[in-house]
């Protein structure tokens, strides 16, 4: 990588947003825990210190040695980062005389400050801090204030060290993108030329150098990440890549056949494996959600291993790991206690003595989609909603049976086709700067859930006692939090009528209006 901004994470919930904002400027950046700082070399053009739930006054407050950074590289402290610089370089941080949470109006005091170039004299910012900077660090001067916080932003004279008490990375800081652009492009001197096209070129070249003539196996899921990873690898090593697409019997209606055909049209070397009966046998009588996940995950590993062994001489296992997964696994608070089984293929790499290759490990989800578009992958594949690894197995509450799968597939097919056919003028969920053509593209994720209860209904002149289908549609940026979508009443009425009229075994449809948190996106 020719140039990058290093972000040191002190545990803030919005650290990833700093990275996303810089990537939107076509500036490459990496997020590292404050206690795992990489070597500060010529490729690092600047460093950002994130916020933190901790106080710099705590005895065990996060600490980082800045001797190779401060005064030598452009440095920006955000919230905790601003307080850290003050606390350790001659300033003083006190417990909250002036606590600020939420919106505040920032007034620029130094009109010559590069950090606030092309930023309004007064603008809205977002504060979230308990402590306050009572005394600036040695050699610093104020560059911006709010009504309640005098030292809202400062610069240290004679060096490119800046600090802001507010969060420029969050949506509520209206001119935050401009502030971060000033730091990255003006102060750090980044070119802003990290684009999907440059990523593709560099990645294909890197993969060729890494893999040479080795054979690689990739488990395709039909999702965006594995699809983009497959196309990149195919461009790099061609016939040496073998993709395995497993039909676990729990996919959506016609999904296996449709997606497999799309992959073959793209020139991928794909093996389609029909294993539905085996998965259903393993799920027989299993009702606990976690036990279902384990049964599906373990069976997938068995099937995948059996197929992989047929590929003589394979040395690598490719995975569609993306950057949020990488950040989570090396987070400030340690690796997450549980990684979803569909993000990887369990213990296969060790079991089969395979090395791992992850072409997308530096990309956020929206960047994966942009790279996919640049690769010419069909919109239907790139714009697909996230889909759980255990598939419809966890959208049937309780035991999974063939009849319940039929009911759920038919209802789901009506719902998803309805979303695709309903025209609208709303922002795209996959491409925030574009407008969606239909409801499907304006939604992060949608699906149906078959509830394990029957209710009384009247169909024709007869009494019915049949299942209930729940519809779920959410908007999100990363799946960590999500809000339910306000679908048009007319649309919901049409879908409800169509499901009840066409899907045998259903006499009631409900719509889930729960957000995450406290609910989760999936019901199991």
Protein backbone atom coordinates (compact mmCIF):
# COMPACT_ATOMS: atom_id res chain seq x y z
CA UNK A 1 0.00 0.00 0.00
CA UNK A 2 1.55 3.32 -1.09
CA UNK A 3 -0.14 5.50 1.54
CA UNK A 4 -2.52 5.11 4.43
CA UNK A 5 -3.99 6.76 7.52
CA UNK A 6 -3.54 4.75 10.72
CA UNK A 7 -6.50 4.83 13.13
CA UNK A 8 -5.72 3.76 16.69
CA UNK A 9 -8.83 2.40 18.36
CA UNK A 10 -9.36 3.07 22.07
CA UNK A 11 -12.66 1.17 22.13
CA UNK A 12 -15.17 3.70 20.79
CA UNK A 13 -18.38 2.27 19.32
CA UNK A 14 -17.99 4.57 16.32
CA UNK A 15 -14.33 3.98 15.44
CA UNK A 16 -15.35 2.10 12.29
CA UNK A 17 -17.16 5.23 11.13
CA UNK A 18 -13.83 7.10 11.02
CA UNK A 19 -12.55 4.45 8.66
CA UNK A 20 -15.67 4.53 6.53
CA UNK A 21 -15.54 8.32 6.18
CA UNK A 22 -11.91 8.21 5.06
CA UNK A 23 -12.62 5.42 2.58
CA UNK A 24 -15.42 7.57 1.14
CA UNK A 25 -12.66 10.09 0.34
CA UNK A 26 -10.79 7.31 -1.51
CA UNK A 27 -8.16 7.38 1.24
CA UNK A 28 -6.94 3.98 2.41
CA UNK A 29 -6.89 3.54 6.16
CA UNK A 30 -6.49 0.77 8.72
CA UNK A 31 -7.88 0.44 12.22
CA UNK A 32 -5.57 -1.08 14.85
CA UNK A 33 -6.04 -1.47 18.62
CA UNK A 34 -4.13 1.16 20.60
CA UNK A 35 -2.09 -1.64 22.22
CA UNK A 36 -1.06 -3.21 18.89
CA UNK A 37 0.48 -0.31 16.99
CA UNK A 38 2.15 -1.33 13.71
CA UNK A 39 5.54 0.00 12.66
CA UNK A 40 5.31 3.69 11.80
CA UNK A 41 6.87 3.77 8.34
CA UNK A 42 6.81 6.07 5.32
CA UNK A 43 3.51 4.62 4.08
CA UNK A 44 1.65 6.02 7.10
CA UNK A 45 0.77 9.60 6.17
CA UNK A 46 -1.09 10.43 9.38
CA UNK A 47 -2.55 9.00 12.58
CA UNK A 48 -5.97 9.39 14.20
CA UNK A 49 -6.69 8.61 17.86
CA UNK A 50 -10.30 7.48 18.37
CA UNK A 51 -12.76 8.08 21.17
CA UNK A 52 -13.18 5.69 24.09
CA UNK A 53 -15.66 4.71 26.82
CA UNK A 54 -12.76 5.18 29.29
CA UNK A 55 -11.61 8.34 31.05
CA UNK A 56 -7.99 9.45 30.68
CA UNK A 57 -8.08 10.04 34.45
CA UNK A 58 -8.70 6.36 35.20
CA UNK A 59 -5.81 4.43 36.71
CA UNK A 60 -5.99 1.83 33.94
CA UNK A 61 -6.89 4.23 31.12
CA UNK A 62 -5.80 3.09 27.63
CA UNK A 63 -2.30 4.40 26.90
CA UNK A 64 -0.21 4.53 23.75
CA UNK A 65 3.37 5.69 23.27
CA UNK A 66 3.27 8.52 20.72
CA UNK A 67 7.03 9.12 20.59
CA UNK A 68 7.23 7.87 16.97
CA UNK A 69 4.11 9.78 15.95
CA UNK A 70 3.56 13.16 17.63
CA UNK A 71 5.53 15.90 15.90
CA UNK A 72 6.72 13.42 13.26
CA UNK A 73 3.45 12.54 11.55
CA UNK A 74 0.19 14.53 11.27
CA UNK A 75 -1.91 13.55 14.29
CA UNK A 76 -5.62 14.04 15.01
CA UNK A 77 -7.11 13.25 18.42
CA UNK A 78 -10.87 12.72 18.54
CA UNK A 79 -12.72 13.01 21.90
CA UNK A 80 -10.70 10.65 24.16
CA UNK A 81 -7.82 11.14 21.72
CA UNK A 82 -7.97 14.90 22.27
CA UNK A 83 -8.02 14.43 26.04
CA UNK A 84 -5.18 11.89 25.86
CA UNK A 85 -2.89 14.37 24.08
CA UNK A 86 -3.77 17.08 26.59
CA UNK A 87 -3.30 14.81 29.64
CA UNK A 88 0.11 13.47 28.58
CA UNK A 89 1.69 16.56 27.01
CA UNK A 90 1.41 19.28 29.64
CA UNK A 91 -2.34 19.89 29.72
CA UNK A 92 -5.02 18.95 32.22
CA UNK A 93 -8.27 17.01 32.02
CA UNK A 94 -10.88 17.35 34.74
CA UNK A 95 -14.06 15.53 35.62
CA UNK A 96 -16.97 17.13 34.07
CA UNK A 97 -17.51 20.69 34.85
CA UNK A 98 -19.27 20.97 31.55
CA UNK A 99 -20.72 17.68 30.38
CA UNK A 100 -21.85 17.55 26.77
CA UNK A 101 -23.91 14.80 25.14
CA UNK A 102 -25.58 15.38 21.79
CA UNK A 103 -25.69 18.30 19.41
CA UNK A 104 -23.68 21.48 20.01
CA UNK A 105 -22.83 24.53 17.94
CA UNK A 106 -19.14 24.87 17.14
CA UNK A 107 -17.58 28.29 16.50
CA UNK A 108 -14.23 28.47 14.71
CA UNK A 109 -11.76 30.70 16.58
CA UNK A 110 -8.79 30.34 14.20
CA UNK A 111 -9.85 31.14 10.66
CA UNK A 112 -6.42 30.14 9.33
CA UNK A 113 -6.64 26.58 10.64
CA UNK A 114 -6.25 24.01 7.86
CA UNK A 115 -8.45 21.59 9.81
CA UNK A 116 -11.43 23.92 9.32
CA UNK A 117 -10.73 24.97 5.74
CA UNK A 118 -14.06 25.47 3.90
CA UNK A 119 -15.99 24.80 7.12
CA UNK A 120 -18.68 27.29 8.18
CA UNK A 121 -17.83 29.77 10.95
CA UNK A 122 -20.51 28.09 13.08
CA UNK A 123 -21.75 24.54 12.49
CA UNK A 124 -23.44 21.67 14.29
CA UNK A 125 -21.24 19.00 15.86
CA UNK A 126 -21.90 15.92 17.99
CA UNK A 127 -20.48 15.74 21.50
CA UNK A 128 -20.25 12.65 23.71
CA UNK A 129 -17.92 13.17 26.66
CA UNK A 130 -17.96 13.34 30.45
CA UNK A 131 -14.52 14.85 31.08
CA UNK A 132 -13.39 18.24 29.87
CA UNK A 133 -10.01 19.67 28.82
CA UNK A 134 -9.31 22.28 31.51
CA UNK A 135 -5.81 23.20 30.29
CA UNK A 136 -4.36 22.80 26.80
CA UNK A 137 -1.15 20.81 26.24
CA UNK A 138 2.11 22.69 26.01
CA UNK A 139 2.40 24.94 22.95
CA UNK A 140 -1.25 24.55 21.91
CA UNK A 141 -3.84 27.17 21.02
CA UNK A 142 -7.63 27.03 20.67
CA UNK A 143 -8.98 26.71 17.13
CA UNK A 144 -12.70 26.16 17.94
CA UNK A 145 -15.13 26.36 20.88
CA UNK A 146 -18.75 25.69 21.82
CA UNK A 147 -20.90 27.61 24.29
CA UNK A 148 -20.09 25.09 27.02
CA UNK A 149 -16.64 23.85 26.07
CA UNK A 150 -13.95 26.47 25.41
CA UNK A 151 -11.29 23.95 24.35
CA UNK A 152 -13.46 22.15 21.80
CA UNK A 153 -10.58 21.98 19.28
CA UNK A 154 -6.91 22.89 19.43
CA UNK A 155 -3.62 22.72 17.50
CA UNK A 156 -0.10 22.38 18.84
CA UNK A 157 2.17 25.06 17.35
CA UNK A 158 5.09 23.95 15.21
CA UNK A 159 3.66 20.51 14.43
CA UNK A 160 0.68 19.02 12.62
CA UNK A 161 -1.03 17.87 15.82
CA UNK A 162 -4.75 18.62 16.01
CA UNK A 163 -7.46 17.60 18.44
CA UNK A 164 -11.25 17.90 18.54
CA UNK A 165 -13.51 17.18 21.51
CA UNK A 166 -16.45 16.33 19.20
CA UNK A 167 -16.95 13.41 16.77
CA UNK A 168 -16.47 14.49 13.12
CA UNK A 169 -17.14 10.92 11.94
CA UNK A 170 -20.82 10.75 12.97
CA UNK A 171 -23.74 11.85 10.83
CA UNK A 172 -24.87 14.55 13.28
CA UNK A 173 -21.64 16.54 12.79
CA UNK A 174 -22.87 18.30 9.68
CA UNK A 175 -19.48 19.28 8.25
CA UNK A 176 -17.56 16.32 9.67
CA UNK A 177 -16.70 14.89 6.22
CA UNK A 178 -15.06 18.20 5.28
CA UNK A 179 -13.04 18.25 8.51
CA UNK A 180 -11.78 14.70 7.93
CA UNK A 181 -11.07 15.55 4.28
CA UNK A 182 -9.00 18.52 5.41
CA UNK A 183 -6.97 16.31 7.73
CA UNK A 184 -6.41 13.48 5.24
CA UNK A 185 -5.97 15.43 2.00
CA UNK A 186 -4.67 18.84 3.09
CA UNK A 187 -2.70 18.13 6.27
CA UNK A 188 -1.54 14.54 5.60
CA UNK A 189 -1.20 15.09 1.85
CA UNK A 190 -2.98 11.88 0.81
CA UNK A 191 -3.74 11.65 -2.90
CA UNK A 192 -7.23 10.17 -2.47
CA UNK A 193 -6.67 7.69 -5.29
CA UNK A 194 -7.69 4.47 -3.53
CA UNK A 195 -10.58 3.48 -5.80
CA UNK A 196 -12.32 0.19 -6.65
CA UNK A 197 -10.34 0.09 -9.90
CA UNK A 198 -7.01 0.52 -8.10
CA UNK A 199 -8.02 -2.07 -5.49
CA UNK A 200 -8.87 -4.60 -8.20
CA UNK A 201 -5.59 -4.07 -10.04
CA UNK A 202 -3.47 -4.27 -6.86
CA UNK A 203 -5.37 -7.26 -5.46
CA UNK A 204 -5.16 -9.34 -8.63
CA UNK A 205 -1.43 -8.64 -8.83
CA UNK A 206 -1.00 -9.49 -5.14
CA UNK A 207 -2.99 -12.74 -5.48
CA UNK A 208 -0.84 -13.86 -8.41
CA UNK A 209 2.32 -13.27 -6.38
CA UNK A 210 0.89 -15.02 -3.33
CA UNK A 211 -0.65 -18.06 -5.03
CA UNK A 212 1.53 -18.65 -8.11
CA UNK A 213 0.28 -21.93 -9.67
CA UNK A 214 -1.29 -23.30 -6.48
CA UNK A 215 -4.85 -24.64 -6.49
CA UNK A 216 -7.46 -22.80 -4.42
CA UNK A 217 -10.86 -23.93 -3.11
CA UNK A 218 -13.64 -21.45 -2.36
CA UNK A 219 -17.00 -22.15 -0.76
CA UNK A 220 -19.62 -20.05 -2.54
CA UNK A 221 -22.76 -19.04 -0.64
CA UNK A 222 -24.54 -17.00 -3.29
CA UNK A 223 -23.89 -13.87 -1.22
CA UNK A 224 -22.06 -10.70 -2.20
CA UNK A 225 -18.78 -11.33 -0.37
CA UNK A 226 -18.04 -14.84 -1.64
CA UNK A 227 -19.13 -13.87 -5.17
CA UNK A 228 -16.76 -10.88 -5.38
CA UNK A 229 -13.94 -12.92 -3.84
CA UNK A 230 -14.52 -15.64 -6.46
CA UNK A 231 -14.40 -13.22 -9.39
CA UNK A 232 -11.18 -11.59 -8.12
CA UNK A 233 -9.53 -14.98 -7.66
CA UNK A 234 -10.77 -16.15 -11.06
CA UNK A 235 -9.16 -13.13 -12.73
CA UNK A 236 -5.93 -13.83 -10.86
CA UNK A 237 -5.53 -17.61 -11.19
CA UNK A 238 -8.30 -18.79 -13.55
CA UNK A 239 -8.67 -22.58 -13.76
CA UNK A 240 -6.68 -23.07 -10.54
CA UNK A 241 -9.73 -21.87 -8.61
CA UNK A 242 -12.48 -24.37 -7.86
CA UNK A 243 -15.69 -23.06 -6.29
CA UNK A 244 -18.03 -25.32 -4.35
CA UNK A 245 -21.68 -24.29 -3.99
CA UNK A 246 -23.54 -26.51 -1.52
CA UNK A 247 -27.33 -26.88 -1.70
CA UNK A 248 -28.23 -27.48 1.94
CA UNK A 249 -31.91 -27.93 1.14
CA UNK A 250 -32.65 -24.72 3.08
CA UNK A 251 -32.18 -22.15 0.32
CA UNK A 252 -34.87 -19.85 -1.08
CA UNK A 253 -37.13 -20.92 -3.92
CA UNK A 254 -35.13 -21.78 -7.06
CA UNK A 255 -32.06 -20.12 -5.51
CA UNK A 256 -29.61 -22.96 -6.05
CA UNK A 257 -30.39 -23.36 -9.76
CA UNK A 258 -30.56 -19.60 -10.48
CA UNK A 259 -27.35 -18.67 -8.67
CA UNK A 260 -25.43 -21.67 -10.03
CA UNK A 261 -26.39 -20.68 -13.57
CA UNK A 262 -25.27 -17.08 -12.89
CA UNK A 263 -21.89 -18.32 -11.67
CA UNK A 264 -21.38 -20.46 -14.75
CA UNK A 265 -22.29 -17.51 -16.98
CA UNK A 266 -19.53 -15.54 -15.23
CA UNK A 267 -16.99 -18.16 -16.26
CA UNK A 268 -16.38 -19.55 -12.78
CA UNK A 269 -15.35 -23.17 -12.31
CA UNK A 270 -18.22 -24.21 -10.01
CA UNK A 271 -19.24 -27.55 -8.55
CA UNK A 272 -22.86 -27.68 -7.41
CA UNK A 273 -23.54 -30.16 -4.61
CA UNK A 274 -27.11 -31.34 -3.86
CA UNK A 275 -27.15 -32.29 -0.17
CA UNK A 276 -30.63 -31.28 0.97
CA UNK A 277 -31.76 -34.70 2.23
CA UNK A 278 -28.63 -35.05 4.39
CA UNK A 279 -29.13 -31.66 6.05
CA UNK A 280 -32.83 -32.35 6.71
CA UNK A 281 -31.98 -35.70 8.26
CA UNK A 282 -29.51 -34.01 10.63
CA UNK A 283 -32.20 -31.44 11.56
CA UNK A 284 -34.89 -34.01 12.25
CA UNK A 285 -36.60 -33.18 15.56
CA UNK A 286 -34.11 -30.38 16.42
CA UNK A 287 -35.90 -27.32 17.83
CA UNK A 288 -33.25 -25.35 19.76
CA UNK A 289 -31.90 -22.49 17.57
CA UNK A 290 -28.26 -23.00 18.55
CA UNK A 291 -28.50 -26.74 18.04
CA UNK A 292 -29.93 -26.11 14.58
CA UNK A 293 -27.02 -23.79 13.74
CA UNK A 294 -24.53 -26.42 14.94
CA UNK A 295 -26.21 -29.20 12.97
CA UNK A 296 -26.24 -27.12 9.79
CA UNK A 297 -22.66 -25.88 10.28
CA UNK A 298 -21.22 -29.31 11.06
CA UNK A 299 -23.02 -30.94 8.14
CA UNK A 300 -21.74 -28.22 5.81
CA UNK A 301 -18.18 -28.90 6.96
CA UNK A 302 -18.61 -32.64 6.30
CA UNK A 303 -20.04 -32.05 2.81
CA UNK A 304 -17.47 -29.38 1.94
CA UNK A 305 -14.57 -31.55 3.14
CA UNK A 306 -15.77 -34.53 1.11
CA UNK A 307 -15.98 -32.43 -2.07
CA UNK A 308 -12.69 -30.65 -1.39
CA UNK A 309 -10.81 -33.94 -1.15
CA UNK A 310 -11.75 -34.61 -4.77
CA UNK A 311 -9.64 -31.60 -5.80
CA UNK A 312 -6.17 -33.09 -5.89
CA UNK A 313 -3.31 -30.81 -4.83
CA UNK A 314 -5.34 -27.94 -3.38
CA UNK A 315 -3.22 -25.82 -1.02
CA UNK A 316 -5.43 -22.83 -0.22
CA UNK A 317 -8.91 -22.19 1.13
CA UNK A 318 -10.35 -18.83 0.06
CA UNK A 319 -12.82 -17.01 2.29
CA UNK A 320 -14.97 -13.92 1.84
CA UNK A 321 -13.83 -12.33 5.12
CA UNK A 322 -14.37 -8.56 5.12
CA UNK A 323 -12.82 -5.79 7.21
CA UNK A 324 -15.43 -5.56 10.02
CA UNK A 325 -14.77 -9.28 10.72
CA UNK A 326 -11.03 -8.58 10.93
CA UNK A 327 -11.53 -5.59 13.23
CA UNK A 328 -13.81 -7.62 15.50
CA UNK A 329 -11.30 -10.45 15.84
CA UNK A 330 -8.52 -8.12 17.03
CA UNK A 331 -10.67 -5.60 18.89
CA UNK A 332 -9.52 -3.60 21.90
CA UNK A 333 -11.60 -5.84 24.11
CA UNK A 334 -10.17 -9.04 22.63
CA UNK A 335 -11.65 -11.41 20.06
CA UNK A 336 -15.40 -11.65 20.08
CA UNK A 337 -16.69 -14.60 22.06
CA UNK A 338 -18.51 -16.10 19.10
CA UNK A 339 -18.08 -15.69 15.35
CA UNK A 340 -21.05 -16.75 13.26
CA UNK A 341 -20.47 -20.11 11.66
CA UNK A 342 -21.29 -18.91 8.15
CA UNK A 343 -18.40 -16.41 8.18
CA UNK A 344 -15.97 -19.27 7.77
CA UNK A 345 -15.86 -23.00 7.34
CA UNK A 346 -15.03 -24.03 10.85
CA UNK A 347 -11.88 -26.07 11.37
CA UNK A 348 -11.41 -27.05 7.73
CA UNK A 349 -8.16 -25.13 7.10
CA UNK A 350 -6.36 -26.94 9.94
CA UNK A 351 -8.15 -30.25 9.33
CA UNK A 352 -7.12 -30.34 5.68
CA UNK A 353 -3.79 -28.56 6.12
CA UNK A 354 -4.90 -25.64 3.93
CA UNK A 355 -3.61 -22.08 4.01
CA UNK A 356 -6.09 -19.19 4.05
CA UNK A 357 -6.43 -16.48 1.40
CA UNK A 358 -8.85 -13.58 1.98
CA UNK A 359 -9.00 -11.14 -0.96
CA UNK A 360 -11.57 -8.83 0.69
CA UNK A 361 -10.16 -8.57 4.21
CA UNK A 362 -9.43 -4.81 3.83
CA UNK A 363 -12.91 -3.85 2.55
CA UNK A 364 -16.09 -2.66 4.24
CA UNK A 365 -19.37 -4.12 2.93
CA UNK A 366 -20.26 -1.11 0.78
CA UNK A 367 -16.77 -1.21 -0.74
CA UNK A 368 -17.21 -4.89 -1.62
CA UNK A 369 -20.33 -3.91 -3.58
CA UNK A 370 -18.49 -1.09 -5.38
CA UNK A 371 -15.65 -3.44 -6.30
CA UNK A 372 -18.23 -5.96 -7.53
CA UNK A 373 -19.78 -3.35 -9.79
CA UNK A 374 -16.36 -2.42 -11.16
CA UNK A 375 -15.77 -6.10 -11.90
CA UNK A 376 -18.97 -6.15 -13.96
CA UNK A 377 -20.87 -8.56 -11.73
CA UNK A 378 -24.62 -8.52 -12.36
CA UNK A 379 -26.64 -6.09 -10.25
CA UNK A 380 -28.93 -8.88 -9.01
CA UNK A 381 -25.96 -10.58 -7.35
CA UNK A 382 -24.21 -7.45 -6.06
CA UNK A 383 -27.41 -5.95 -4.68
CA UNK A 384 -28.53 -9.11 -2.86
CA UNK A 385 -29.62 -8.74 0.74
CA UNK A 386 -27.54 -10.45 3.45
CA UNK A 387 -28.82 -13.96 4.10
CA UNK A 388 -28.07 -16.07 7.20
CA UNK A 389 -25.58 -18.92 6.82
CA UNK A 390 -28.07 -21.47 8.27
CA UNK A 391 -30.50 -20.23 5.60
CA UNK A 392 -34.22 -20.87 6.08
CA UNK A 393 -33.38 -23.31 8.86
CA UNK A 394 -33.45 -20.45 11.37
CA UNK A 395 -36.47 -18.76 9.79
CA UNK A 396 -38.62 -21.74 10.68
CA UNK A 397 -39.12 -21.48 14.42
CA UNK A 398 -39.05 -24.97 15.86
CA UNK A 399 -38.43 -28.20 13.98
CA UNK A 400 -37.67 -28.03 10.24
CA UNK A 401 -39.76 -30.21 7.91
CA UNK A 402 -40.25 -30.46 4.14
CA UNK A 403 -43.80 -29.11 4.41
CA UNK A 404 -42.75 -26.12 6.50
CA UNK A 405 -39.95 -25.38 4.02
CA UNK A 406 -42.48 -25.43 1.17
CA UNK A 407 -44.72 -22.97 3.02
CA UNK A 408 -41.86 -20.64 3.90
CA UNK A 409 -40.29 -20.74 0.43
CA UNK A 410 -43.57 -19.89 -1.28
CA UNK A 411 -44.37 -17.05 1.13
CA UNK A 412 -40.81 -15.70 0.94
CA UNK A 413 -40.87 -15.79 -2.84
CA UNK A 414 -44.05 -13.69 -2.92
CA UNK A 415 -42.59 -11.16 -0.45
CA UNK A 416 -39.21 -10.74 -2.19
CA UNK A 417 -40.73 -10.55 -5.69
CA UNK A 418 -43.23 -8.01 -4.37
CA UNK A 419 -40.40 -5.84 -3.00
CA UNK A 420 -38.57 -6.01 -6.34
CA UNK A 421 -41.68 -5.09 -8.32
CA UNK A 422 -42.83 -2.17 -6.12
CA UNK A 423 -41.42 1.04 -7.59
CA UNK A 424 -40.28 3.78 -5.21
CA UNK A 425 -38.09 6.86 -4.86
CA UNK A 426 -35.96 6.11 -1.80
CA UNK A 427 -32.20 6.05 -1.15
CA UNK A 428 -30.48 2.79 -2.07
CA UNK A 429 -29.44 0.65 0.90
CA UNK A 430 -26.36 -0.61 -0.95
CA UNK A 431 -25.31 2.70 -2.51
CA UNK A 432 -26.31 5.59 -0.18
CA UNK A 433 -25.53 8.26 -2.80
CA UNK A 434 -27.92 6.69 -5.31
CA UNK A 435 -31.68 6.24 -5.48
CA UNK A 436 -33.30 2.82 -5.45
CA UNK A 437 -35.50 1.62 -8.32
CA UNK A 438 -37.70 -0.48 -6.07
CA UNK A 439 -38.43 -1.31 -2.43
CA UNK A 440 -36.01 -4.26 -2.44
CA UNK A 441 -33.01 -2.05 -3.27
CA UNK A 442 -33.99 0.49 -0.58
CA UNK A 443 -33.88 -2.19 2.16
CA UNK A 444 -30.84 -3.71 3.89
CA UNK A 445 -32.46 -7.09 4.55
CA UNK A 446 -35.89 -8.67 4.20
CA UNK A 447 -37.41 -12.09 4.64
CA UNK A 448 -40.22 -14.18 6.04
CA UNK A 449 -40.44 -16.22 9.23
CA UNK A 450 -42.72 -19.20 9.79
CA UNK A 451 -44.09 -19.05 13.33
CA UNK A 452 -44.64 -22.29 15.30
CA UNK A 453 -48.24 -21.44 16.13
CA UNK A 454 -51.52 -21.99 14.33
CA UNK A 455 -54.53 -19.73 14.56
CA UNK A 456 -58.19 -19.88 13.62
CA UNK A 457 -59.30 -18.35 10.36
CA UNK A 458 -62.16 -18.44 7.88
CA UNK A 459 -61.41 -19.38 4.29
CA UNK A 460 -64.45 -19.55 2.04
CA UNK A 461 -67.25 -20.99 4.17
CA UNK A 462 -64.93 -23.15 6.21
CA UNK A 463 -63.04 -22.72 9.44
CA UNK A 464 -59.24 -22.99 9.05
CA UNK A 465 -56.51 -23.65 11.56
CA UNK A 466 -53.22 -22.81 9.92
CA UNK A 467 -49.79 -21.18 10.29
CA UNK A 468 -48.80 -17.52 10.66
CA UNK A 469 -46.13 -15.87 8.50
CA UNK A 470 -44.18 -12.89 9.88
CA UNK A 471 -42.67 -10.42 7.41
CA UNK A 472 -39.39 -8.70 8.35
CA UNK A 473 -37.69 -5.75 6.62
CA UNK A 474 -34.92 -3.60 8.12
CA UNK A 475 -32.61 -0.77 7.15
CA UNK A 476 -29.02 -0.78 8.40
CA UNK A 477 -25.45 0.03 7.39
CA UNK A 478 -23.61 -2.91 8.91
CA UNK A 479 -26.18 -5.13 10.62
CA UNK A 480 -24.93 -4.16 14.10
CA UNK A 481 -28.00 -1.95 14.60
CA UNK A 482 -31.15 -1.87 12.47
CA UNK A 483 -34.51 -0.11 12.23
CA UNK A 484 -37.68 -1.66 10.86
CA UNK A 485 -38.79 -0.27 7.52
CA UNK A 486 -42.06 1.67 7.20
CA UNK A 487 -43.37 -0.29 4.24
CA UNK A 488 -46.44 1.22 2.53
CA UNK A 489 -49.74 -0.07 3.93
CA UNK A 490 -50.99 -0.78 0.42
CA UNK A 491 -47.93 -2.94 -0.27
CA UNK A 492 -48.32 -4.88 2.98
CA UNK A 493 -52.03 -5.43 2.27
CA UNK A 494 -51.27 -6.78 -1.21
CA UNK A 495 -48.54 -9.12 0.03
CA UNK A 496 -50.69 -10.40 2.90
CA UNK A 497 -53.58 -11.16 0.55
CA UNK A 498 -51.34 -12.89 -1.98
CA UNK A 499 -49.62 -15.09 0.62
CA UNK A 500 -52.90 -16.14 2.25
CA UNK A 501 -54.56 -16.82 -1.10
CA UNK A 502 -51.67 -18.67 -2.75
CA UNK A 503 -49.73 -20.42 0.01
CA UNK A 504 -51.49 -23.51 1.30
CA UNK A 505 -51.13 -23.75 5.08
CA UNK A 506 -51.14 -20.00 5.92
CA UNK A 507 -54.16 -17.98 7.07
CA UNK A 508 -52.49 -15.04 8.84
CA UNK A 509 -49.66 -12.58 8.04
CA UNK A 510 -48.06 -10.15 10.52
CA UNK A 511 -45.33 -7.48 10.15
CA UNK A 512 -42.42 -7.24 12.61
CA UNK A 513 -41.90 -3.64 13.79
CA UNK A 514 -39.03 -4.33 16.20
CA UNK A 515 -35.66 -2.59 15.90
CA UNK A 516 -32.20 -3.91 16.79
CA UNK A 517 -31.52 -3.53 19.66
CA UNK A 518 -33.40 -4.80 21.62
CA UNK A 519 -34.56 -7.34 19.02
CA UNK A 520 -32.23 -9.05 16.54
CA UNK A 521 -32.74 -9.05 12.77
CA UNK A 522 -33.29 -12.80 12.65
CA UNK A 523 -35.75 -14.44 15.05
CA UNK A 524 -33.40 -17.33 15.85
